[in-house]
């Protein structure tokens, strides 16, 4: 479970660089580092990466404490954590290929990830 937590933190760190990486052809690197929050020149892909990153941060707020509590209490939530992580990777890929222009697709990926978090939390309390 600790290895998975490290992978999730690295995944989140990669998310931070996706926004910049996918707009370097429009915005020079130095402007990213000294920008005052002007995001008007970002590519559409970078804008989707912002949305995906925000969504990941909202889930991490629940995932990280539940995972740490699982480790501390000796609860085996590894399989569920792996499912959650897989769904988060699929969610990111969906944003990368602009899959969510079809309204029904996003909830089919996002809702199960939330259900997994709830089940993980219930496992801790049982």
N, C-alpha and C. Protein backbone atom coordinates (compact mmCIF):
# COMPACT_ATOMS: atom_id res chain seq x y z
N UNK A 1 0.83 -1.20 0.00
CA UNK A 1 0.00 0.00 0.00
C UNK A 1 0.87 1.26 0.00
N UNK A 2 2.00 1.18 0.68
CA UNK A 2 2.90 2.34 0.71
C UNK A 2 3.44 2.63 -0.70
N UNK A 3 3.77 1.57 -1.44
CA UNK A 3 4.24 1.75 -2.81
C UNK A 3 3.19 2.44 -3.67
N UNK A 4 1.94 2.05 -3.49
CA UNK A 4 0.85 2.67 -4.25
C UNK A 4 0.70 4.14 -3.87
N UNK A 5 0.82 4.45 -2.59
CA UNK A 5 0.74 5.86 -2.16
C UNK A 5 1.84 6.69 -2.82
N UNK A 6 3.03 6.13 -2.92
CA UNK A 6 4.12 6.84 -3.58
C UNK A 6 3.79 7.06 -5.06
N UNK A 7 3.24 6.04 -5.71
CA UNK A 7 2.84 6.17 -7.12
C UNK A 7 1.77 7.24 -7.29
N UNK A 8 0.82 7.30 -6.38
CA UNK A 8 -0.25 8.31 -6.46
C UNK A 8 0.33 9.71 -6.30
N UNK A 9 1.26 9.88 -5.37
CA UNK A 9 1.89 11.19 -5.19
C UNK A 9 2.69 11.58 -6.43
N UNK A 10 3.39 10.63 -7.03
CA UNK A 10 4.12 10.92 -8.27
C UNK A 10 3.16 11.25 -9.42
N UNK A 11 2.04 10.55 -9.46
CA UNK A 11 1.00 10.82 -10.46
C UNK A 11 0.47 12.24 -10.31
N UNK A 12 0.23 12.64 -9.07
CA UNK A 12 -0.23 14.00 -8.81
C UNK A 12 0.83 15.02 -9.23
N UNK A 13 2.08 14.73 -8.92
CA UNK A 13 3.17 15.62 -9.31
C UNK A 13 3.24 15.75 -10.83
N UNK A 14 3.06 14.65 -11.53
CA UNK A 14 3.04 14.70 -13.00
C UNK A 14 1.90 15.58 -13.49
N UNK A 15 0.75 15.49 -12.83
CA UNK A 15 -0.39 16.35 -13.18
C UNK A 15 0.00 17.82 -13.15
N UNK A 16 0.79 18.20 -12.19
CA UNK A 16 1.19 19.60 -12.06
C UNK A 16 1.96 20.08 -13.28
N UNK A 17 2.72 19.18 -13.90
CA UNK A 17 3.52 19.56 -15.06
C UNK A 17 2.77 19.41 -16.38
N UNK A 18 1.67 18.67 -16.40
CA UNK A 18 0.93 18.48 -17.64
C UNK A 18 0.42 19.79 -18.21
N UNK A 19 -0.08 20.66 -17.36
CA UNK A 19 -0.63 21.94 -17.84
C UNK A 19 0.43 22.70 -18.61
N UNK A 20 1.61 22.81 -18.02
CA UNK A 20 2.68 23.55 -18.67
C UNK A 20 3.19 22.80 -19.90
N UNK A 21 3.37 21.50 -19.79
CA UNK A 21 3.96 20.72 -20.87
C UNK A 21 3.16 20.77 -22.15
N UNK A 22 1.84 20.79 -22.03
CA UNK A 22 1.00 20.75 -23.22
C UNK A 22 0.74 22.13 -23.81
N UNK A 23 1.37 23.16 -23.26
CA UNK A 23 1.22 24.51 -23.81
C UNK A 23 2.56 25.17 -24.13
N UNK A 24 3.65 24.43 -24.03
CA UNK A 24 4.95 25.04 -24.27
C UNK A 24 5.09 25.59 -25.68
N UNK A 25 4.33 25.04 -26.62
CA UNK A 25 4.40 25.56 -27.99
C UNK A 25 3.70 26.92 -28.10
N UNK A 26 2.89 27.29 -27.11
CA UNK A 26 2.18 28.58 -27.14
C UNK A 26 2.74 29.57 -26.13
N UNK A 27 3.23 29.04 -25.01
CA UNK A 27 3.72 29.91 -23.93
C UNK A 27 5.15 29.47 -23.59
N UNK A 28 6.12 30.37 -23.71
CA UNK A 28 7.50 30.00 -23.39
C UNK A 28 7.64 29.56 -21.93
N UNK A 29 8.58 28.65 -21.68
CA UNK A 29 8.79 28.10 -20.34
C UNK A 29 8.99 29.19 -19.30
N UNK A 30 9.80 30.19 -19.62
CA UNK A 30 10.09 31.25 -18.66
C UNK A 30 8.83 32.01 -18.27
N UNK A 31 7.90 32.14 -19.21
CA UNK A 31 6.65 32.84 -18.90
C UNK A 31 5.80 32.01 -17.92
N UNK A 32 5.87 30.69 -18.02
CA UNK A 32 5.16 29.84 -17.06
C UNK A 32 5.72 30.04 -15.66
N UNK A 33 7.03 30.19 -15.58
CA UNK A 33 7.65 30.27 -14.26
C UNK A 33 7.45 31.62 -13.60
N UNK A 34 7.22 32.67 -14.37
CA UNK A 34 7.05 33.99 -13.77
C UNK A 34 5.65 34.55 -14.02
N UNK A 35 4.74 33.71 -14.52
CA UNK A 35 3.42 34.23 -14.88
C UNK A 35 2.66 34.64 -13.63
N UNK A 36 1.76 35.56 -13.84
CA UNK A 36 0.94 36.05 -12.73
C UNK A 36 -0.45 35.42 -12.76
N UNK A 37 -0.54 34.24 -13.32
CA UNK A 37 -1.83 33.54 -13.36
C UNK A 37 -2.59 33.75 -14.66
N UNK A 38 -1.98 34.37 -15.65
CA UNK A 38 -2.63 34.57 -16.93
C UNK A 38 -2.64 33.26 -17.71
N UNK A 39 -3.81 32.66 -17.83
CA UNK A 39 -3.93 31.36 -18.49
C UNK A 39 -4.61 31.48 -19.86
N UNK A 40 -4.63 32.66 -20.44
CA UNK A 40 -5.35 32.87 -21.68
C UNK A 40 -4.69 32.20 -22.88
N UNK A 41 -3.40 31.93 -22.83
CA UNK A 41 -2.71 31.35 -23.98
C UNK A 41 -2.57 29.83 -23.91
N UNK A 42 -3.21 29.21 -22.94
CA UNK A 42 -3.10 27.75 -22.80
C UNK A 42 -3.81 27.04 -23.95
N UNK A 43 -3.28 25.90 -24.31
CA UNK A 43 -3.95 25.07 -25.32
C UNK A 43 -5.19 24.44 -24.70
N UNK A 44 -6.07 23.94 -25.55
CA UNK A 44 -7.28 23.27 -25.04
C UNK A 44 -6.91 22.06 -24.20
N UNK A 45 -5.87 21.34 -24.61
CA UNK A 45 -5.42 20.18 -23.84
C UNK A 45 -4.95 20.60 -22.45
N UNK A 46 -4.22 21.70 -22.36
CA UNK A 46 -3.77 22.17 -21.05
C UNK A 46 -4.95 22.58 -20.18
N UNK A 47 -5.95 23.17 -20.77
CA UNK A 47 -7.15 23.54 -20.01
C UNK A 47 -7.86 22.30 -19.48
N UNK A 48 -7.89 21.25 -20.28
CA UNK A 48 -8.49 19.99 -19.81
C UNK A 48 -7.64 19.37 -18.70
N UNK A 49 -6.33 19.56 -18.77
CA UNK A 49 -5.45 19.04 -17.72
C UNK A 49 -5.68 19.79 -16.40
N UNK A 50 -6.03 21.07 -16.48
CA UNK A 50 -6.37 21.82 -15.28
C UNK A 50 -7.61 21.22 -14.62
N UNK A 51 -8.61 20.91 -15.43
CA UNK A 51 -9.84 20.31 -14.90
C UNK A 51 -9.54 18.95 -14.28
N UNK A 52 -8.75 18.14 -14.97
CA UNK A 52 -8.40 16.81 -14.45
C UNK A 52 -7.59 16.93 -13.16
N UNK A 53 -6.69 17.88 -13.10
CA UNK A 53 -5.89 18.09 -11.90
C UNK A 53 -6.73 18.55 -10.72
N UNK A 54 -7.66 19.46 -10.98
CA UNK A 54 -8.57 19.90 -9.91
C UNK A 54 -9.39 18.74 -9.38
N UNK A 55 -9.87 17.90 -10.28
CA UNK A 55 -10.67 16.75 -9.87
C UNK A 55 -9.83 15.77 -9.06
N UNK A 56 -8.59 15.56 -9.47
CA UNK A 56 -7.71 14.67 -8.72
C UNK A 56 -7.46 15.21 -7.31
N UNK A 57 -7.22 16.52 -7.20
CA UNK A 57 -7.00 17.11 -5.88
C UNK A 57 -8.19 16.90 -4.96
N UNK A 58 -9.39 17.01 -5.50
CA UNK A 58 -10.59 16.81 -4.69
C UNK A 58 -10.69 15.37 -4.20
N UNK A 59 -10.29 14.41 -5.02
CA UNK A 59 -10.31 13.01 -4.60
C UNK A 59 -9.17 12.68 -3.65
N UNK A 60 -8.02 13.31 -3.86
CA UNK A 60 -6.88 13.06 -2.98
C UNK A 60 -7.18 13.45 -1.54
N UNK A 61 -8.01 14.46 -1.38
CA UNK A 61 -8.40 14.93 -0.06
C UNK A 61 -9.03 13.79 0.76
N UNK A 62 -9.67 12.85 0.08
CA UNK A 62 -10.27 11.69 0.74
C UNK A 62 -9.34 10.48 0.66
N UNK A 63 -8.73 10.25 -0.49
CA UNK A 63 -7.93 9.05 -0.69
C UNK A 63 -6.73 8.96 0.25
N UNK A 64 -5.97 10.03 0.37
CA UNK A 64 -4.75 9.97 1.18
C UNK A 64 -5.03 9.66 2.65
N UNK A 65 -5.95 10.35 3.32
CA UNK A 65 -6.20 9.99 4.72
C UNK A 65 -6.75 8.57 4.89
N UNK A 66 -7.64 8.16 3.98
CA UNK A 66 -8.20 6.80 4.08
C UNK A 66 -7.09 5.77 3.88
N UNK A 67 -6.19 6.02 2.96
CA UNK A 67 -5.09 5.08 2.71
C UNK A 67 -4.14 5.01 3.90
N UNK A 68 -3.81 6.16 4.45
CA UNK A 68 -2.90 6.18 5.61
C UNK A 68 -3.56 5.49 6.80
N UNK A 69 -4.85 5.74 7.02
CA UNK A 69 -5.56 5.06 8.10
C UNK A 69 -5.62 3.55 7.86
N UNK A 70 -5.76 3.15 6.61
CA UNK A 70 -5.76 1.72 6.28
C UNK A 70 -4.44 1.07 6.68
N UNK A 71 -3.35 1.76 6.37
CA UNK A 71 -2.03 1.24 6.72
C UNK A 71 -1.88 1.19 8.25
N UNK A 72 -2.26 2.28 8.91
CA UNK A 72 -2.08 2.37 10.37
C UNK A 72 -2.91 1.33 11.10
N UNK A 73 -4.10 1.03 10.60
CA UNK A 73 -4.98 0.09 11.28
C UNK A 73 -4.86 -1.33 10.74
N UNK A 74 -4.03 -1.53 9.75
CA UNK A 74 -3.82 -2.85 9.19
C UNK A 74 -4.99 -3.37 8.37
N UNK A 75 -5.77 -2.46 7.80
CA UNK A 75 -6.90 -2.84 6.95
C UNK A 75 -6.40 -3.03 5.53
N UNK A 76 -6.79 -4.13 4.90
CA UNK A 76 -6.33 -4.42 3.54
C UNK A 76 -7.25 -3.74 2.52
N UNK A 77 -6.89 -2.53 2.15
CA UNK A 77 -7.61 -1.78 1.13
C UNK A 77 -6.80 -1.66 -0.15
N UNK A 78 -5.77 -2.48 -0.30
CA UNK A 78 -4.87 -2.34 -1.43
C UNK A 78 -5.59 -2.53 -2.77
N UNK A 79 -6.39 -3.57 -2.89
CA UNK A 79 -7.09 -3.81 -4.17
C UNK A 79 -8.00 -2.64 -4.52
N UNK A 80 -8.72 -2.13 -3.52
CA UNK A 80 -9.61 -0.98 -3.78
C UNK A 80 -8.80 0.26 -4.15
N UNK A 81 -7.67 0.46 -3.48
CA UNK A 81 -6.82 1.61 -3.80
C UNK A 81 -6.28 1.50 -5.22
N UNK A 82 -5.94 0.29 -5.63
CA UNK A 82 -5.45 0.08 -7.00
C UNK A 82 -6.55 0.36 -8.02
N UNK A 83 -7.77 -0.05 -7.70
CA UNK A 83 -8.90 0.24 -8.59
C UNK A 83 -9.10 1.74 -8.70
N UNK A 84 -9.06 2.43 -7.56
CA UNK A 84 -9.22 3.89 -7.56
C UNK A 84 -8.14 4.54 -8.43
N UNK A 85 -6.89 4.09 -8.25
CA UNK A 85 -5.79 4.67 -9.02
C UNK A 85 -5.97 4.39 -10.51
N UNK A 86 -6.39 3.18 -10.85
CA UNK A 86 -6.65 2.85 -12.26
C UNK A 86 -7.74 3.73 -12.85
N UNK A 87 -8.80 3.96 -12.08
CA UNK A 87 -9.87 4.83 -12.55
C UNK A 87 -9.39 6.27 -12.72
N UNK A 88 -8.48 6.71 -11.86
CA UNK A 88 -7.93 8.06 -11.99
C UNK A 88 -7.07 8.17 -13.25
N UNK A 89 -6.34 7.12 -13.57
CA UNK A 89 -5.53 7.13 -14.80
C UNK A 89 -6.46 7.17 -16.01
N UNK A 90 -7.50 6.36 -15.98
CA UNK A 90 -8.49 6.37 -17.07
C UNK A 90 -9.14 7.73 -17.19
N UNK A 91 -9.45 8.35 -16.05
CA UNK A 91 -10.05 9.69 -16.05
C UNK A 91 -9.13 10.70 -16.74
N UNK A 92 -7.83 10.63 -16.42
CA UNK A 92 -6.87 11.53 -17.04
C UNK A 92 -6.80 11.30 -18.55
N UNK A 93 -6.72 10.05 -18.95
CA UNK A 93 -6.66 9.74 -20.39
C UNK A 93 -7.92 10.24 -21.09
N UNK A 94 -9.06 10.10 -20.43
CA UNK A 94 -10.31 10.61 -20.99
C UNK A 94 -10.23 12.10 -21.27
N UNK A 95 -9.62 12.85 -20.34
CA UNK A 95 -9.45 14.29 -20.58
C UNK A 95 -8.44 14.54 -21.69
N UNK A 96 -7.40 13.74 -21.74
CA UNK A 96 -6.38 13.95 -22.76
C UNK A 96 -6.94 13.77 -24.17
N UNK A 97 -7.80 12.78 -24.35
CA UNK A 97 -8.36 12.54 -25.68
C UNK A 97 -9.71 13.21 -25.88
N UNK A 98 -10.07 14.08 -24.94
CA UNK A 98 -11.31 14.85 -25.00
C UNK A 98 -12.55 13.94 -25.08
N UNK A 99 -12.52 12.87 -24.34
CA UNK A 99 -13.61 11.91 -24.33
C UNK A 99 -14.86 12.47 -23.65
N UNK A 100 -14.67 13.44 -22.77
CA UNK A 100 -15.80 13.95 -21.98
C UNK A 100 -16.64 14.98 -22.73
N UNK A 101 -16.38 15.13 -24.00
CA UNK A 101 -17.31 15.93 -24.81
C UNK A 101 -18.63 15.19 -24.95
N UNK A 102 -18.61 13.87 -24.68
CA UNK A 102 -19.83 13.08 -24.62
C UNK A 102 -20.27 13.04 -23.16
N UNK A 103 -21.40 13.65 -22.81
CA UNK A 103 -21.75 13.89 -21.41
C UNK A 103 -21.85 12.64 -20.52
N UNK A 104 -22.22 11.51 -21.02
CA UNK A 104 -22.46 10.34 -20.18
C UNK A 104 -21.17 9.63 -19.77
N UNK A 105 -20.08 9.85 -20.49
CA UNK A 105 -18.84 9.12 -20.26
C UNK A 105 -18.19 9.48 -18.92
N UNK A 106 -18.11 10.76 -18.62
CA UNK A 106 -17.42 11.20 -17.39
C UNK A 106 -18.00 10.55 -16.14
N UNK A 107 -19.32 10.56 -15.93
CA UNK A 107 -19.84 9.91 -14.72
C UNK A 107 -19.58 8.41 -14.66
N UNK A 108 -19.46 7.77 -15.82
CA UNK A 108 -19.19 6.33 -15.83
C UNK A 108 -17.80 6.00 -15.27
N UNK A 109 -16.91 6.97 -15.31
CA UNK A 109 -15.56 6.78 -14.78
C UNK A 109 -15.43 7.41 -13.39
N UNK A 110 -16.01 8.58 -13.20
CA UNK A 110 -15.85 9.32 -11.96
C UNK A 110 -16.63 8.69 -10.80
N UNK A 111 -17.89 8.33 -11.02
CA UNK A 111 -18.72 7.79 -9.95
C UNK A 111 -18.13 6.52 -9.34
N UNK A 112 -17.67 5.55 -10.14
CA UNK A 112 -17.06 4.37 -9.51
C UNK A 112 -15.84 4.71 -8.63
N UNK A 113 -15.09 5.73 -9.01
CA UNK A 113 -13.93 6.10 -8.18
C UNK A 113 -14.38 6.63 -6.82
N UNK A 114 -15.50 7.33 -6.79
CA UNK A 114 -16.04 7.82 -5.53
C UNK A 114 -16.60 6.66 -4.71
N UNK A 115 -17.27 5.73 -5.37
CA UNK A 115 -17.80 4.56 -4.67
C UNK A 115 -16.67 3.77 -4.03
N UNK A 116 -15.56 3.62 -4.74
CA UNK A 116 -14.40 2.91 -4.20
C UNK A 116 -13.89 3.61 -2.94
N UNK A 117 -13.84 4.93 -2.96
CA UNK A 117 -13.39 5.67 -1.78
C UNK A 117 -14.31 5.44 -0.59
N UNK A 118 -15.61 5.42 -0.85
CA UNK A 118 -16.58 5.18 0.23
C UNK A 118 -16.41 3.77 0.80
N UNK A 119 -16.23 2.78 -0.06
CA UNK A 119 -16.03 1.41 0.40
C UNK A 119 -14.74 1.30 1.21
N UNK A 120 -13.69 1.98 0.76
CA UNK A 120 -12.44 1.98 1.52
C UNK A 120 -12.66 2.55 2.93
N UNK A 121 -13.40 3.65 3.00
CA UNK A 121 -13.67 4.27 4.30
C UNK A 121 -14.49 3.33 5.20
N UNK A 122 -15.49 2.66 4.62
CA UNK A 122 -16.30 1.73 5.40
C UNK A 122 -15.47 0.54 5.89
N UNK A 123 -14.51 0.11 5.09
CA UNK A 123 -13.62 -0.98 5.51
C UNK A 123 -12.83 -0.61 6.77
N UNK A 124 -12.48 0.64 6.88
CA UNK A 124 -11.72 1.09 8.05
C UNK A 124 -12.59 1.04 9.30
N UNK A 125 -13.84 1.43 9.16
CA UNK A 125 -14.72 1.49 10.32
C UNK A 125 -15.25 0.13 10.74
N UNK A 126 -15.15 -0.88 9.86
CA UNK A 126 -15.70 -2.20 10.19
C UNK A 126 -14.79 -2.98 11.10
